[in-house]
Amino acid sequence: MADVKPYIGEDGEVRELDEHFFTNAKRGRPPMPSELRKRRVNLMLAPDVIEALKARGAMSTEADKILREALGL
């Protein structure tokens, strides 16, 4: 095999990507292990709780964060 130069130099700069890079590139990110994946659940919440979560941003992310803090996780 020919001498393969790294794509990122010691100075942190990325060199021009060549045909070898694109031929061997993997698409997408690797799958997350099943024990680390989030799972979908159905949860009944009061309307005011839903509105408060929506107001804080991404509802699912905020609910997960709040529940983790409340449960000491």
C-alpha atoms as a PDB file:
ATOM      1  CA  MET A   1       0.000   0.000   0.000  1.00  0.00           C
ATOM      2  CA  ALA A   2       1.254   3.468  -0.807  1.00  0.00           C
ATOM      3  CA  ASP A   3       2.389   5.817   1.929  1.00  0.00           C
ATOM      4  CA  VAL A   4      -0.857   7.413   3.211  1.00  0.00           C
ATOM      5  CA  LYS A   5      -0.540  10.934   4.590  1.00  0.00           C
ATOM      6  CA  PRO A   6      -2.850  11.944   7.432  1.00  0.00           C
ATOM      7  CA  TYR A   7      -5.625  14.352   6.487  1.00  0.00           C
ATOM      8  CA  ILE A   8      -4.979  16.570   9.508  1.00  0.00           C
ATOM      9  CA  GLY A   9      -1.471  18.011   9.819  1.00  0.00           C
ATOM     10  CA  GLU A  10       0.505  18.745  12.970  1.00  0.00           C
ATOM     11  CA  ASP A  11      -0.675  22.354  12.682  1.00  0.00           C
ATOM     12  CA  GLY A  12      -4.323  21.209  12.852  1.00  0.00           C
ATOM     13  CA  GLU A  13      -5.031  22.151   9.249  1.00  0.00           C
ATOM     14  CA  VAL A  14      -6.925  19.713   7.059  1.00  0.00           C
ATOM     15  CA  ARG A  15      -5.315  18.979   3.710  1.00  0.00           C
ATOM     16  CA  GLU A  16      -7.322  18.704   0.510  1.00  0.00           C
ATOM     17  CA  LEU A  17      -9.523  15.603   0.503  1.00  0.00           C
ATOM     18  CA  ASP A  18      -8.648  13.248  -2.321  1.00  0.00           C
ATOM     19  CA  GLU A  19     -10.307  10.369  -4.169  1.00  0.00           C
ATOM     20  CA  HIS A  20      -8.931   7.865  -1.625  1.00  0.00           C
ATOM     21  CA  PHE A  21     -10.761   9.690   1.157  1.00  0.00           C
ATOM     22  CA  PHE A  22     -14.127   9.684  -0.618  1.00  0.00           C
ATOM     23  CA  THR A  23     -13.750   6.067  -1.754  1.00  0.00           C
ATOM     24  CA  ASN A  24     -13.181   4.873   1.809  1.00  0.00           C
ATOM     25  CA  ALA A  25     -15.404   7.323   3.707  1.00  0.00           C
ATOM     26  CA  LYS A  26     -18.134   5.876   5.885  1.00  0.00           C
ATOM     27  CA  ARG A  27     -21.579   7.452   5.670  1.00  0.00           C
ATOM     28  CA  GLY A  28     -23.435   8.535   8.788  1.00  0.00           C
ATOM     29  CA  ARG A  29     -22.456   8.022  12.365  1.00  0.00           C
ATOM     30  CA  PRO A  30     -21.967   4.579  13.890  1.00  0.00           C
ATOM     31  CA  PRO A  31     -25.031   3.138  15.624  1.00  0.00           C
ATOM     32  CA  MET A  32     -25.361   3.887  19.319  1.00  0.00           C
ATOM     33  CA  PRO A  33     -25.334   0.815  21.596  1.00  0.00           C
ATOM     34  CA  SER A  34     -28.904  -0.229  22.433  1.00  0.00           C
ATOM     35  CA  GLU A  35     -28.379   0.222  26.187  1.00  0.00           C
ATOM     36  CA  LEU A  36     -27.548   3.918  25.622  1.00  0.00           C
ATOM     37  CA  ARG A  37     -30.373   4.750  23.195  1.00  0.00           C
ATOM     38  CA  LYS A  38     -33.331   6.729  24.425  1.00  0.00           C
ATOM     39  CA  ARG A  39     -36.698   4.955  24.259  1.00  0.00           C
ATOM     40  CA  ARG A  40     -40.095   6.356  23.401  1.00  0.00           C
ATOM     41  CA  VAL A  41     -42.684   6.367  26.194  1.00  0.00           C
ATOM     42  CA  ASN A  42     -46.172   7.793  26.463  1.00  0.00           C
ATOM     43  CA  LEU A  43     -46.619  10.161  29.359  1.00  0.00           C
ATOM     44  CA  MET A  44     -49.685  12.110  30.423  1.00  0.00           C
ATOM     45  CA  LEU A  45     -48.840  15.647  31.577  1.00  0.00           C
ATOM     46  CA  ALA A  46     -50.963  18.551  32.734  1.00  0.00           C
ATOM     47  CA  PRO A  47     -51.460  21.304  30.137  1.00  0.00           C
ATOM     48  CA  ASP A  48     -49.543  23.874  32.214  1.00  0.00           C
ATOM     49  CA  VAL A  49     -46.561  21.500  32.512  1.00  0.00           C
ATOM     50  CA  ILE A  50     -46.557  20.976  28.737  1.00  0.00           C
ATOM     51  CA  GLU A  51     -46.650  24.726  28.097  1.00  0.00           C
ATOM     52  CA  ALA A  52     -43.820  25.345  30.584  1.00  0.00           C
ATOM     53  CA  LEU A  53     -41.668  22.695  28.887  1.00  0.00           C
ATOM     54  CA  LYS A  54     -42.415  24.129  25.449  1.00  0.00           C
ATOM     55  CA  ALA A  55     -41.447  27.592  26.686  1.00  0.00           C
ATOM     56  CA  ARG A  56     -38.053  26.259  27.819  1.00  0.00           C
ATOM     57  CA  GLY A  57     -37.201  24.912  24.365  1.00  0.00           C
ATOM     58  CA  ALA A  58     -37.051  21.374  23.052  1.00  0.00           C
ATOM     59  CA  MET A  59     -39.723  19.689  25.128  1.00  0.00           C
ATOM     60  CA  SER A  60     -38.288  16.154  25.155  1.00  0.00           C
ATOM     61  CA  THR A  61     -34.768  17.336  25.954  1.00  0.00           C
ATOM     62  CA  GLU A  62     -35.948  19.643  28.726  1.00  0.00           C
ATOM     63  CA  ALA A  63     -38.198  16.983  30.276  1.00  0.00           C
ATOM     64  CA  ASP A  64     -35.301  14.487  30.223  1.00  0.00           C
ATOM     65  CA  LYS A  65     -32.987  17.039  31.881  1.00  0.00           C
ATOM     66  CA  ILE A  66     -35.517  17.969  34.582  1.00  0.00           C
ATOM     67  CA  LEU A  67     -36.364  14.339  35.370  1.00  0.00           C
ATOM     68  CA  ARG A  68     -32.653  13.411  35.587  1.00  0.00           C
ATOM     69  CA  GLU A  69     -32.049  16.244  38.076  1.00  0.00           C
ATOM     70  CA  ALA A  70     -35.134  15.330  40.136  1.00  0.00           C
ATOM     71  CA  LEU A  71     -34.123  11.658  40.240  1.00  0.00           C
ATOM     72  CA  GLY A  72     -30.487  12.422  41.055  1.00  0.00           C
ATOM     73  CA  LEU A  73     -29.151  10.844  37.886  1.00  0.00           C
END
